[in-house]
Amino acid sequence: MPSLEATSGLDPANERLRKAMRLVLLATLPGLLAMLWLFGWGTLFNLLLAAAGALATEAALLKLRQSPVLADVSDGSALVSATLLALALPPYTPWWLTLIASSAAMGLGKHVYGGVGKNPFNPAMLGYALVLLSFPLQMTQWPAPHALDLMTGLERVFGFHGAGQPDAWAQATALDALRINKSLTIEELFSTHPAFGNYGAKGIEWANLAFLAGGLFLMQQRVFSWHAPVAMLGSLFVISLLCWNGSGSDSNGSPVFHLLSGATMLGAFFIVTEPVSGPRSPRARLLFGAGVGLLVYLIRTWGNYPDGVAFAVLLMNLTVPALDRLASASQEARA
């Protein structure tokens, strides 16, 4: 008896891709709602602009390549990349920067290699890294929680000239404050610095828990295996535990702080699990995730950027062919 896909003329592979993309978008909802509660309209502005830029760029490039525009755009991969990029960008990012990032993610991260299924780098992280390197000032202006209302947020994003933005609407993130701290103990940072919450970055710790919940849902739905996210979180936990030098002013932060700050859970469950730019075998995924976790800690602690998820993922993307060969050789040797 023919399957439903066969009788309806649908490609089963495309249907599986569409279903997976729908589940990923659904799983981002808890984190998205947490970000909306924390930063207000800024995250929504990012999402709408990134989606518009990504879908328009994808449609234009598909038409240029003489590929079926509607069928390929409707697979949902561009919308997923735009959503992840929007969640990674600072809320209230200027409109032009968000459009540049989303267009670069689709053009340089995806279609320059031939489209979906062929990209060696994570498209969202490539777009993010490009604008971070090109516009570091705008990319480090994270707003304080609940700092901007709708009108001042619109002024920030689109450059409207209104009543003006409030003083101190932006602040250093907890990761940035810890990296440049020279005099305060950890207890003093948590009690006096507005970016610190109970265990990690203020508010961001709840967003991380929300992304964790979404990631566990995707694992339960078997959208991806546990290997890469568990290896990333385990590696980050172990290296931060080994390098944890107490609560003095030279402390690098506790393992719990690193797990609940920055884009840790977004990276673990929505970035390193991207199937095309990641390894194929379970053993290679373990190595890939562990490498990302290690690099995230090294960049956060001794690098020039407070968070390191994007650079860590892109660097590990370069190692994927070697990891797959290593895993394959190891399996053959055991056999």
C-alpha atoms as a PDB file:
ATOM      1  CA  MET A   1       0.000   0.000   0.000  1.00  0.00           C
ATOM      2  CA  PRO A   2       1.542   3.350  -0.999  1.00  0.00           C
ATOM      3  CA  SER A   3       2.352   5.838   1.746  1.00  0.00           C
ATOM      4  CA  LEU A   4       0.509   9.085   2.270  1.00  0.00           C
ATOM      5  CA  GLU A   5       3.545  11.003   0.971  1.00  0.00           C
ATOM      6  CA  ALA A   6       3.641   8.938  -2.196  1.00  0.00           C
ATOM      7  CA  THR A   7      -0.058   9.287  -2.932  1.00  0.00           C
ATOM      8  CA  SER A   8       0.031  13.027  -2.300  1.00  0.00           C
ATOM      9  CA  GLY A   9       3.127  13.570  -4.439  1.00  0.00           C
ATOM     10  CA  LEU A  10       5.210  14.861  -1.528  1.00  0.00           C
ATOM     11  CA  ASP A  11       8.867  13.990  -1.061  1.00  0.00           C
ATOM     12  CA  PRO A  12       9.195  12.053   2.234  1.00  0.00           C
ATOM     13  CA  ALA A  13      12.610  13.637   2.900  1.00  0.00           C
ATOM     14  CA  ASN A  14      11.182  17.142   2.495  1.00  0.00           C
ATOM     15  CA  GLU A  15       8.259  16.260   4.731  1.00  0.00           C
ATOM     16  CA  ARG A  16      10.606  15.024   7.437  1.00  0.00           C
ATOM     17  CA  LEU A  17      12.593  18.248   7.134  1.00  0.00           C
ATOM     18  CA  ARG A  18       9.449  20.379   7.413  1.00  0.00           C
ATOM     19  CA  LYS A  19       8.278  18.435  10.445  1.00  0.00           C
ATOM     20  CA  ALA A  20      11.662  18.801  12.141  1.00  0.00           C
ATOM     21  CA  MET A  21      11.741  22.544  11.441  1.00  0.00           C
ATOM     22  CA  ARG A  22       8.240  22.975  12.874  1.00  0.00           C
ATOM     23  CA  LEU A  23       9.264  21.136  16.038  1.00  0.00           C
ATOM     24  CA  VAL A  24      12.392  23.270  16.398  1.00  0.00           C
ATOM     25  CA  LEU A  25      10.358  26.467  16.057  1.00  0.00           C
ATOM     26  CA  LEU A  26       7.901  25.145  18.635  1.00  0.00           C
ATOM     27  CA  ALA A  27      10.757  24.292  21.010  1.00  0.00           C
ATOM     28  CA  THR A  28      12.144  27.841  20.831  1.00  0.00           C
ATOM     29  CA  LEU A  29       8.886  29.258  22.219  1.00  0.00           C
ATOM     30  CA  PRO A  30       9.752  28.915  25.953  1.00  0.00           C
ATOM     31  CA  GLY A  31      13.075  30.703  25.434  1.00  0.00           C
ATOM     32  CA  LEU A  32      11.494  33.298  23.174  1.00  0.00           C
ATOM     33  CA  LEU A  33       8.819  34.063  25.756  1.00  0.00           C
ATOM     34  CA  ALA A  34      11.473  34.356  28.462  1.00  0.00           C
ATOM     35  CA  MET A  35      13.449  36.791  26.307  1.00  0.00           C
ATOM     36  CA  LEU A  36      10.283  38.797  25.584  1.00  0.00           C
ATOM     37  CA  TRP A  37       9.509  39.000  29.293  1.00  0.00           C
ATOM     38  CA  LEU A  38      13.080  40.040  30.035  1.00  0.00           C
ATOM     39  CA  PHE A  39      13.782  42.541  27.246  1.00  0.00           C
ATOM     40  CA  GLY A  40      10.347  43.483  25.976  1.00  0.00           C
ATOM     41  CA  TRP A  41       9.768  44.311  22.335  1.00  0.00           C
ATOM     42  CA  GLY A  42      13.429  44.134  21.328  1.00  0.00           C
ATOM     43  CA  THR A  43      13.485  40.378  20.811  1.00  0.00           C
ATOM     44  CA  LEU A  44      10.296  40.552  18.735  1.00  0.00           C
ATOM     45  CA  PHE A  45      11.798  43.302  16.549  1.00  0.00           C
ATOM     46  CA  ASN A  46      14.858  41.118  16.014  1.00  0.00           C
ATOM     47  CA  LEU A  47      12.702  38.148  15.083  1.00  0.00           C
ATOM     48  CA  LEU A  48      10.549  40.011  12.553  1.00  0.00           C
ATOM     49  CA  LEU A  49      13.524  41.715  10.890  1.00  0.00           C
ATOM     50  CA  ALA A  50      15.653  38.569  10.794  1.00  0.00           C
ATOM     51  CA  ALA A  51      12.796  36.522   9.338  1.00  0.00           C
ATOM     52  CA  ALA A  52      12.103  39.151   6.675  1.00  0.00           C
ATOM     53  CA  GLY A  53      15.778  39.397   5.722  1.00  0.00           C
ATOM     54  CA  ALA A  54      16.340  35.647   5.652  1.00  0.00           C
ATOM     55  CA  LEU A  55      13.198  34.791   3.665  1.00  0.00           C
ATOM     56  CA  ALA A  56      13.721  37.604   1.160  1.00  0.00           C
ATOM     57  CA  THR A  57      17.364  36.671   0.626  1.00  0.00           C
ATOM     58  CA  GLU A  58      16.540  32.982   0.274  1.00  0.00           C
ATOM     59  CA  ALA A  59      13.764  33.680  -2.243  1.00  0.00           C
ATOM     60  CA  ALA A  60      15.998  35.981  -4.305  1.00  0.00           C
ATOM     61  CA  LEU A  61      18.876  33.500  -4.378  1.00  0.00           C
ATOM     62  CA  LEU A  62      16.604  30.575  -5.222  1.00  0.00           C
ATOM     63  CA  LYS A  63      15.166  32.551  -8.127  1.00  0.00           C
ATOM     64  CA  LEU A  64      18.682  33.454  -9.260  1.00  0.00           C
ATOM     65  CA  ARG A  65      19.635  29.775  -9.171  1.00  0.00           C
ATOM     66  CA  GLN A  66      16.405  28.887 -11.008  1.00  0.00           C
ATOM     67  CA  SER A  67      15.220  26.666  -8.176  1.00  0.00           C
ATOM     68  CA  PRO A  68      11.577  26.304  -7.102  1.00  0.00           C
ATOM     69  CA  VAL A  69      11.176  29.239  -4.737  1.00  0.00           C
ATOM     70  CA  LEU A  70       7.952  28.353  -2.934  1.00  0.00           C
ATOM     71  CA  ALA A  71       8.840  24.704  -2.343  1.00  0.00           C
ATOM     72  CA  ASP A  72      12.302  25.452  -0.966  1.00  0.00           C
ATOM     73  CA  VAL A  73      11.338  28.467   1.161  1.00  0.00           C
ATOM     74  CA  SER A  74       8.460  26.531   2.710  1.00  0.00           C
ATOM     75  CA  ASP A  75      10.765  23.865   4.178  1.00  0.00           C
ATOM     76  CA  GLY A  76      11.229  26.137   7.188  1.00  0.00           C
ATOM     77  CA  SER A  77      15.032  26.006   7.392  1.00  0.00           C
ATOM     78  CA  ALA A  78      15.451  29.720   6.627  1.00  0.00           C
ATOM     79  CA  LEU A  79      12.893  30.645   9.294  1.00  0.00           C
ATOM     80  CA  VAL A  80      14.664  28.461  11.858  1.00  0.00           C
ATOM     81  CA  SER A  81      18.035  30.067  11.077  1.00  0.00           C
ATOM     82  CA  ALA A  82      16.443  33.523  11.334  1.00  0.00           C
ATOM     83  CA  THR A  83      14.856  32.662  14.682  1.00  0.00           C
ATOM     84  CA  LEU A  84      18.111  31.391  16.176  1.00  0.00           C
ATOM     85  CA  LEU A  85      19.960  34.436  14.871  1.00  0.00           C
ATOM     86  CA  ALA A  86      17.323  36.788  16.318  1.00  0.00           C
ATOM     87  CA  LEU A  87      17.597  35.110  19.725  1.00  0.00           C
ATOM     88  CA  ALA A  88      21.403  35.409  19.674  1.00  0.00           C
ATOM     89  CA  LEU A  89      21.502  39.098  18.683  1.00  0.00           C
ATOM     90  CA  PRO A  90      21.222  41.774  21.388  1.00  0.00           C
ATOM     91  CA  PRO A  91      17.613  42.965  21.699  1.00  0.00           C
ATOM     92  CA  TYR A  92      17.001  46.343  20.019  1.00  0.00           C
ATOM     93  CA  THR A  93      19.775  45.730  17.503  1.00  0.00           C
ATOM     94  CA  PRO A  94      19.572  48.395  14.730  1.00  0.00           C
ATOM     95  CA  TRP A  95      17.362  47.238  11.872  1.00  0.00           C
ATOM     96  CA  TRP A  96      20.079  47.414   9.244  1.00  0.00           C
ATOM     97  CA  LEU A  97      22.432  45.221  11.278  1.00  0.00           C
ATOM     98  CA  THR A  98      19.796  42.524  11.738  1.00  0.00           C
ATOM     99  CA  LEU A  99      19.090  42.532   8.001  1.00  0.00           C
ATOM    100  CA  ILE A 100      22.805  42.293   7.200  1.00  0.00           C
ATOM    101  CA  ALA A 101      23.216  39.373   9.608  1.00  0.00           C
ATOM    102  CA  SER A 102      20.208  37.439   8.291  1.00  0.00           C
ATOM    103  CA  SER A 103      21.093  38.074   4.647  1.00  0.00           C
ATOM    104  CA  ALA A 104      24.680  36.950   5.267  1.00  0.00           C
ATOM    105  CA  ALA A 105      23.421  33.846   7.071  1.00  0.00           C
ATOM    106  CA  MET A 106      21.420  32.819   4.025  1.00  0.00           C
ATOM    107  CA  GLY A 107      23.804  33.987   1.328  1.00  0.00           C
ATOM    108  CA  LEU A 108      27.243  33.247   2.763  1.00  0.00           C
ATOM    109  CA  GLY A 109      26.202  30.540   5.183  1.00  0.00           C
ATOM    110  CA  LYS A 110      23.892  28.511   2.993  1.00  0.00           C
ATOM    111  CA  HIS A 111      23.386  29.289  -0.695  1.00  0.00           C
ATOM    112  CA  VAL A 112      26.989  29.986  -1.620  1.00  0.00           C
ATOM    113  CA  TYR A 113      27.543  26.263  -0.956  1.00  0.00           C
ATOM    114  CA  GLY A 114      24.523  25.080  -2.913  1.00  0.00           C
ATOM    115  CA  GLY A 115      21.602  25.492  -0.533  1.00  0.00           C
ATOM    116  CA  VAL A 116      20.025  23.389   2.186  1.00  0.00           C
ATOM    117  CA  GLY A 117      21.904  20.239   3.083  1.00  0.00           C
ATOM    118  CA  LYS A 118      25.269  21.438   1.769  1.00  0.00           C
ATOM    119  CA  ASN A 119      26.444  24.168   4.149  1.00  0.00           C
ATOM    120  CA  PRO A 120      29.660  23.342   6.070  1.00  0.00           C
ATOM    121  CA  PHE A 121      29.056  26.126   8.615  1.00  0.00           C
ATOM    122  CA  ASN A 122      26.078  26.871  10.810  1.00  0.00           C
ATOM    123  CA  PRO A 123      24.294  29.673   8.882  1.00  0.00           C
ATOM    124  CA  ALA A 124      22.935  31.531  11.920  1.00  0.00           C
ATOM    125  CA  MET A 125      26.317  31.555  13.660  1.00  0.00           C
ATOM    126  CA  LEU A 126      28.092  32.648  10.492  1.00  0.00           C
ATOM    127  CA  GLY A 127      25.759  35.638  10.165  1.00  0.00           C
ATOM    128  CA  TYR A 128      26.184  36.431  13.853  1.00  0.00           C
ATOM    129  CA  ALA A 129      29.985  36.230  13.743  1.00  0.00           C
ATOM    130  CA  LEU A 130      30.162  38.418  10.646  1.00  0.00           C
ATOM    131  CA  VAL A 131      28.277  41.319  12.230  1.00  0.00           C
ATOM    132  CA  LEU A 132      30.055  40.845  15.573  1.00  0.00           C
ATOM    133  CA  LEU A 133      33.425  41.292  13.879  1.00  0.00           C
ATOM    134  CA  SER A 134      32.182  44.121  11.645  1.00  0.00           C
ATOM    135  CA  PHE A 135      30.099  46.103  14.155  1.00  0.00           C
ATOM    136  CA  PRO A 136      31.452  45.295  17.646  1.00  0.00           C
ATOM    137  CA  LEU A 137      30.027  48.441  19.270  1.00  0.00           C
ATOM    138  CA  GLN A 138      26.415  47.726  18.302  1.00  0.00           C
ATOM    139  CA  MET A 139      26.804  44.008  19.054  1.00  0.00           C
ATOM    140  CA  THR A 140      27.907  44.574  22.652  1.00  0.00           C
ATOM    141  CA  GLN A 141      25.028  46.866  23.655  1.00  0.00           C
ATOM    142  CA  TRP A 142      22.789  44.519  25.598  1.00  0.00           C
ATOM    143  CA  PRO A 143      19.859  46.302  27.288  1.00  0.00           C
ATOM    144  CA  ALA A 144      19.226  46.122  30.989  1.00  0.00           C
ATOM    145  CA  PRO A 145      16.141  44.004  31.793  1.00  0.00           C
ATOM    146  CA  HIS A 146      12.859  45.889  31.349  1.00  0.00           C
ATOM    147  CA  ALA A 147      14.766  49.039  30.343  1.00  0.00           C
ATOM    148  CA  LEU A 148      12.901  50.184  27.201  1.00  0.00           C
ATOM    149  CA  ASP A 149       9.234  50.606  26.389  1.00  0.00           C
ATOM    150  CA  LEU A 150       7.727  50.270  22.924  1.00  0.00           C
ATOM    151  CA  MET A 151       8.360  53.797  21.671  1.00  0.00           C
ATOM    152  CA  THR A 152      11.924  54.095  22.925  1.00  0.00           C
ATOM    153  CA  GLY A 153      12.560  50.616  21.582  1.00  0.00           C
ATOM    154  CA  LEU A 154      11.348  51.674  18.136  1.00  0.00           C
ATOM    155  CA  GLU A 155      13.596  54.703  18.340  1.00  0.00           C
ATOM    156  CA  ARG A 156      16.546  52.492  19.175  1.00  0.00           C
ATOM    157  CA  VAL A 157      15.897  49.985  16.372  1.00  0.00           C
ATOM    158  CA  PHE A 158      14.863  52.333  13.572  1.00  0.00           C
ATOM    159  CA  GLY A 159      16.622  55.547  14.593  1.00  0.00           C
ATOM    160  CA  PHE A 160      13.479  57.599  15.096  1.00  0.00           C
ATOM    161  CA  HIS A 161      13.985  60.957  16.796  1.00  0.00           C
ATOM    162  CA  GLY A 162      11.613  61.117  19.713  1.00  0.00           C
ATOM    163  CA  ALA A 163      11.904  61.891  23.363  1.00  0.00           C
ATOM    164  CA  GLY A 164      15.266  60.209  23.565  1.00  0.00           C
ATOM    165  CA  GLN A 165      16.427  56.969  25.094  1.00  0.00           C
ATOM    166  CA  PRO A 166      16.673  56.628  28.870  1.00  0.00           C
ATOM    167  CA  ASP A 167      20.027  56.872  30.570  1.00  0.00           C
ATOM    168  CA  ALA A 168      21.851  53.598  31.180  1.00  0.00           C
ATOM    169  CA  TRP A 169      19.491  51.560  29.017  1.00  0.00           C
ATOM    170  CA  ALA A 170      22.409  49.243  28.181  1.00  0.00           C
ATOM    171  CA  GLN A 171      24.752  47.512  30.581  1.00  0.00           C
ATOM    172  CA  ALA A 172      27.644  45.071  30.585  1.00  0.00           C
ATOM    173  CA  THR A 173      26.552  41.436  30.597  1.00  0.00           C
ATOM    174  CA  ALA A 174      27.461  39.195  33.511  1.00  0.00           C
ATOM    175  CA  LEU A 175      30.040  37.360  31.405  1.00  0.00           C
ATOM    176  CA  ASP A 176      31.637  40.634  30.347  1.00  0.00           C
ATOM    177  CA  ALA A 177      31.626  42.003  33.903  1.00  0.00           C
ATOM    178  CA  LEU A 178      33.270  38.840  35.214  1.00  0.00           C
ATOM    179  CA  ARG A 179      35.915  38.866  32.471  1.00  0.00           C
ATOM    180  CA  ILE A 180      37.051  42.431  33.172  1.00  0.00           C
ATOM    181  CA  ASN A 181      36.610  42.286  36.956  1.00  0.00           C
ATOM    182  CA  LYS A 182      39.804  43.028  38.872  1.00  0.00           C
ATOM    183  CA  SER A 183      38.714  43.975  42.382  1.00  0.00           C
ATOM    184  CA  LEU A 184      35.351  42.532  43.448  1.00  0.00           C
ATOM    185  CA  THR A 185      34.771  39.048  44.810  1.00  0.00           C
ATOM    186  CA  ILE A 186      32.107  36.823  43.284  1.00  0.00           C
ATOM    187  CA  GLU A 187      29.816  37.478  46.235  1.00  0.00           C
ATOM    188  CA  GLU A 188      30.227  41.225  45.760  1.00  0.00           C
ATOM    189  CA  LEU A 189      29.492  40.957  42.033  1.00  0.00           C
ATOM    190  CA  PHE A 190      26.313  38.981  42.673  1.00  0.00           C
ATOM    191  CA  SER A 191      25.159  41.387  45.394  1.00  0.00           C
ATOM    192  CA  THR A 192      26.028  44.696  43.716  1.00  0.00           C
ATOM    193  CA  HIS A 193      26.240  44.305  39.931  1.00  0.00           C
ATOM    194  CA  PRO A 194      22.828  44.568  38.182  1.00  0.00           C
ATOM    195  CA  ALA A 195      23.728  41.964  35.537  1.00  0.00           C
ATOM    196  CA  PHE A 196      24.070  39.128  38.076  1.00  0.00           C
ATOM    197  CA  GLY A 197      21.109  37.083  39.237  1.00  0.00           C
ATOM    198  CA  ASN A 198      20.866  34.198  41.697  1.00  0.00           C
ATOM    199  CA  TYR A 199      23.165  31.701  39.993  1.00  0.00           C
ATOM    200  CA  GLY A 200      24.031  33.186  36.608  1.00  0.00           C
ATOM    201  CA  ALA A 201      23.225  36.245  34.533  1.00  0.00           C
ATOM    202  CA  LYS A 202      20.128  38.060  35.820  1.00  0.00           C
ATOM    203  CA  GLY A 203      17.103  36.996  33.796  1.00  0.00           C
ATOM    204  CA  ILE A 204      19.288  35.139  31.314  1.00  0.00           C
ATOM    205  CA  GLU A 205      19.461  32.244  33.777  1.00  0.00           C
ATOM    206  CA  TRP A 206      15.705  31.800  33.318  1.00  0.00           C
ATOM    207  CA  ALA A 207      16.028  32.077  29.556  1.00  0.00           C
ATOM    208  CA  ASN A 208      18.675  29.352  29.659  1.00  0.00           C
ATOM    209  CA  LEU A 209      16.366  27.107  31.640  1.00  0.00           C
ATOM    210  CA  ALA A 210      13.606  27.791  29.112  1.00  0.00           C
ATOM    211  CA  PHE A 211      15.887  26.808  26.220  1.00  0.00           C
ATOM    212  CA  LEU A 212      16.864  23.714  28.199  1.00  0.00           C
ATOM    213  CA  ALA A 213      13.197  22.756  28.434  1.00  0.00           C
ATOM    214  CA  GLY A 214      12.763  23.251  24.687  1.00  0.00           C
ATOM    215  CA  GLY A 215      15.879  21.218  23.978  1.00  0.00           C
ATOM    216  CA  LEU A 216      14.719  18.326  26.143  1.00  0.00           C
ATOM    217  CA  PHE A 217      11.423  18.362  24.222  1.00  0.00           C
ATOM    218  CA  LEU A 218      13.335  18.034  20.936  1.00  0.00           C
ATOM    219  CA  MET A 219      15.364  15.161  22.354  1.00  0.00           C
ATOM    220  CA  GLN A 220      12.162  13.450  23.472  1.00  0.00           C
ATOM    221  CA  GLN A 221      10.795  13.892  19.947  1.00  0.00           C
ATOM    222  CA  ARG A 222      14.049  12.460  18.574  1.00  0.00           C
ATOM    223  CA  VAL A 223      14.729  15.465  16.386  1.00  0.00           C
ATOM    224  CA  PHE A 224      18.376  14.983  17.341  1.00  0.00           C
ATOM    225  CA  SER A 225      20.379  12.636  19.555  1.00  0.00           C
ATOM    226  CA  TRP A 226      21.746  13.474  22.985  1.00  0.00           C
ATOM    227  CA  HIS A 227      25.417  13.198  22.056  1.00  0.00           C
ATOM    228  CA  ALA A 228      26.371  16.760  20.981  1.00  0.00           C
ATOM    229  CA  PRO A 229      24.380  18.770  23.580  1.00  0.00           C
ATOM    230  CA  VAL A 230      25.326  16.535  26.509  1.00  0.00           C
ATOM    231  CA  ALA A 231      28.973  16.552  25.434  1.00  0.00           C
ATOM    232  CA  MET A 232      28.989  20.346  25.130  1.00  0.00           C
ATOM    233  CA  LEU A 233      27.401  20.929  28.538  1.00  0.00           C
ATOM    234  CA  GLY A 234      29.516  18.224  30.155  1.00  0.00           C
ATOM    235  CA  SER A 235      32.728  19.634  28.689  1.00  0.00           C
ATOM    236  CA  LEU A 236      31.830  23.189  29.761  1.00  0.00           C
ATOM    237  CA  PHE A 237      30.976  21.959  33.263  1.00  0.00           C
ATOM    238  CA  VAL A 238      34.203  19.973  33.656  1.00  0.00           C
ATOM    239  CA  ILE A 239      36.578  22.651  32.345  1.00  0.00           C
ATOM    240  CA  SER A 240      34.898  25.388  34.403  1.00  0.00           C
ATOM    241  CA  LEU A 241      35.075  23.136  37.485  1.00  0.00           C
ATOM    242  CA  LEU A 242      38.768  22.390  36.939  1.00  0.00           C
ATOM    243  CA  CYS A 243      39.559  26.086  36.389  1.00  0.00           C
ATOM    244  CA  TRP A 244      37.281  27.387  39.131  1.00  0.00           C
ATOM    245  CA  ASN A 245      39.568  29.272  41.479  1.00  0.00           C
ATOM    246  CA  GLY A 246      37.117  30.124  44.225  1.00  0.00           C
ATOM    247  CA  SER A 247      35.234  33.330  44.829  1.00  0.00           C
ATOM    248  CA  GLY A 248      38.078  35.834  44.792  1.00  0.00           C
ATOM    249  CA  SER A 249      38.418  38.766  42.436  1.00  0.00           C
ATOM    250  CA  ASP A 250      40.382  36.609  39.979  1.00  0.00           C
ATOM    251  CA  SER A 251      37.686  33.928  39.788  1.00  0.00           C
ATOM    252  CA  ASN A 252      36.621  32.649  36.383  1.00  0.00           C
ATOM    253  CA  GLY A 253      33.133  31.758  37.589  1.00  0.00           C
ATOM    254  CA  SER A 254      31.541  28.552  38.823  1.00  0.00           C
ATOM    255  CA  PRO A 255      30.283  25.744  36.553  1.00  0.00           C
ATOM    256  CA  VAL A 256      26.673  26.662  37.338  1.00  0.00           C
ATOM    257  CA  PHE A 257      27.358  30.284  36.415  1.00  0.00           C
ATOM    258  CA  HIS A 258      28.694  29.274  32.998  1.00  0.00           C
ATOM    259  CA  LEU A 259      25.802  26.897  32.349  1.00  0.00           C
ATOM    260  CA  LEU A 260      23.208  29.580  33.145  1.00  0.00           C
ATOM    261  CA  SER A 261      24.831  32.586  31.453  1.00  0.00           C
ATOM    262  CA  GLY A 262      25.174  33.730  27.875  1.00  0.00           C
ATOM    263  CA  ALA A 263      23.852  31.537  25.085  1.00  0.00           C
ATOM    264  CA  THR A 264      24.834  28.233  26.689  1.00  0.00           C
ATOM    265  CA  MET A 265      21.556  26.319  26.419  1.00  0.00           C
ATOM    266  CA  LEU A 266      20.598  27.922  23.103  1.00  0.00           C
ATOM    267  CA  GLY A 267      23.952  26.788  21.768  1.00  0.00           C
ATOM    268  CA  ALA A 268      23.766  23.301  23.257  1.00  0.00           C
ATOM    269  CA  PHE A 269      20.296  22.346  22.035  1.00  0.00           C
ATOM    270  CA  PHE A 270      19.651  24.527  18.979  1.00  0.00           C
ATOM    271  CA  ILE A 271      23.083  25.321  17.496  1.00  0.00           C
ATOM    272  CA  VAL A 272      25.446  22.359  17.930  1.00  0.00           C
ATOM    273  CA  THR A 273      22.630  19.994  16.931  1.00  0.00           C
ATOM    274  CA  GLU A 274      22.346  21.491  13.413  1.00  0.00           C
ATOM    275  CA  PRO A 275      22.601  18.297  11.338  1.00  0.00           C
ATOM    276  CA  VAL A 276      24.164  19.558   8.115  1.00  0.00           C
ATOM    277  CA  SER A 277      27.208  21.349   9.512  1.00  0.00           C
ATOM    278  CA  GLY A 278      27.693  18.832  12.322  1.00  0.00           C
ATOM    279  CA  PRO A 279      29.163  15.320  12.374  1.00  0.00           C
ATOM    280  CA  ARG A 280      27.283  12.235  11.236  1.00  0.00           C
ATOM    281  CA  SER A 281      28.265   9.522  13.727  1.00  0.00           C
ATOM    282  CA  PRO A 282      27.406   9.530  17.457  1.00  0.00           C
ATOM    283  CA  ARG A 283      31.067   9.280  18.445  1.00  0.00           C
ATOM    284  CA  ALA A 284      31.991  12.258  16.266  1.00  0.00           C
ATOM    285  CA  ARG A 285      29.095  14.241  17.748  1.00  0.00           C
ATOM    286  CA  LEU A 286      30.464  13.600  21.217  1.00  0.00           C
ATOM    287  CA  LEU A 287      33.847  14.977  20.152  1.00  0.00           C
ATOM    288  CA  PHE A 288      32.199  17.901  18.383  1.00  0.00           C
ATOM    289  CA  GLY A 289      30.096  18.893  21.388  1.00  0.00           C
ATOM    290  CA  ALA A 290      33.020  18.499  23.786  1.00  0.00           C
ATOM    291  CA  GLY A 291      35.172  20.724  21.581  1.00  0.00           C
ATOM    292  CA  VAL A 292      32.485  23.415  21.480  1.00  0.00           C
ATOM    293  CA  GLY A 293      32.129  23.398  25.270  1.00  0.00           C
ATOM    294  CA  LEU A 294      35.889  23.687  25.764  1.00  0.00           C
ATOM    295  CA  LEU A 295      36.227  26.525  23.256  1.00  0.00           C
ATOM    296  CA  VAL A 296      33.265  28.410  24.749  1.00  0.00           C
ATOM    297  CA  TYR A 297      35.001  28.447  28.135  1.00  0.00           C
ATOM    298  CA  LEU A 298      38.387  29.435  26.694  1.00  0.00           C
ATOM    299  CA  ILE A 299      36.889  32.317  24.697  1.00  0.00           C
ATOM    300  CA  ARG A 300      34.785  33.517  27.619  1.00  0.00           C
ATOM    301  CA  THR A 301      37.682  33.448  30.042  1.00  0.00           C
ATOM    302  CA  TRP A 302      40.713  34.503  28.024  1.00  0.00           C
ATOM    303  CA  GLY A 303      39.345  35.724  24.689  1.00  0.00           C
ATOM    304  CA  ASN A 304      38.275  39.182  23.574  1.00  0.00           C
ATOM    305  CA  TYR A 305      34.542  38.369  23.508  1.00  0.00           C
ATOM    306  CA  PRO A 306      32.371  37.779  26.583  1.00  0.00           C
ATOM    307  CA  ASP A 307      30.493  34.858  25.027  1.00  0.00           C
ATOM    308  CA  GLY A 308      32.020  32.356  22.640  1.00  0.00           C
ATOM    309  CA  VAL A 309      29.277  30.092  21.311  1.00  0.00           C
ATOM    310  CA  ALA A 310      29.310  31.383  17.724  1.00  0.00           C
ATOM    311  CA  PHE A 311      33.083  31.252  17.304  1.00  0.00           C
ATOM    312  CA  ALA A 312      33.319  27.893  19.069  1.00  0.00           C
ATOM    313  CA  VAL A 313      30.725  26.332  16.761  1.00  0.00           C
ATOM    314  CA  LEU A 314      32.281  27.764  13.602  1.00  0.00           C
ATOM    315  CA  LEU A 315      35.754  26.583  14.609  1.00  0.00           C
ATOM    316  CA  MET A 316      34.456  23.095  15.337  1.00  0.00           C
ATOM    317  CA  ASN A 317      32.582  23.087  12.010  1.00  0.00           C
ATOM    318  CA  LEU A 318      36.032  23.138  10.397  1.00  0.00           C
ATOM    319  CA  THR A 319      36.924  19.897  12.161  1.00  0.00           C
ATOM    320  CA  VAL A 320      33.808  17.929  11.181  1.00  0.00           C
ATOM    321  CA  PRO A 321      35.393  15.983   8.259  1.00  0.00           C
ATOM    322  CA  ALA A 322      38.334  15.002  10.471  1.00  0.00           C
ATOM    323  CA  LEU A 323      36.018  14.019  13.343  1.00  0.00           C
ATOM    324  CA  ASP A 324      33.928  11.819  11.042  1.00  0.00           C
ATOM    325  CA  ARG A 325      37.048  10.120   9.665  1.00  0.00           C
ATOM    326  CA  LEU A 326      38.438   9.634  13.175  1.00  0.00           C
ATOM    327  CA  ALA A 327      35.189   8.126  14.409  1.00  0.00           C
ATOM    328  CA  SER A 328      34.956   5.865  11.362  1.00  0.00           C
ATOM    329  CA  ALA A 329      38.554   4.683  11.749  1.00  0.00           C
ATOM    330  CA  SER A 330      38.009   4.005  15.441  1.00  0.00           C
ATOM    331  CA  GLN A 331      34.885   1.981  14.702  1.00  0.00           C
ATOM    332  CA  GLU A 332      36.667  -0.066  12.043  1.00  0.00           C
ATOM    333  CA  ALA A 333      39.572  -0.734  14.397  1.00  0.00           C
ATOM    334  CA  ARG A 334      37.207  -1.986  17.093  1.00  0.00           C
ATOM    335  CA  ALA A 335      35.464  -4.214  14.553  1.00  0.00           C
END
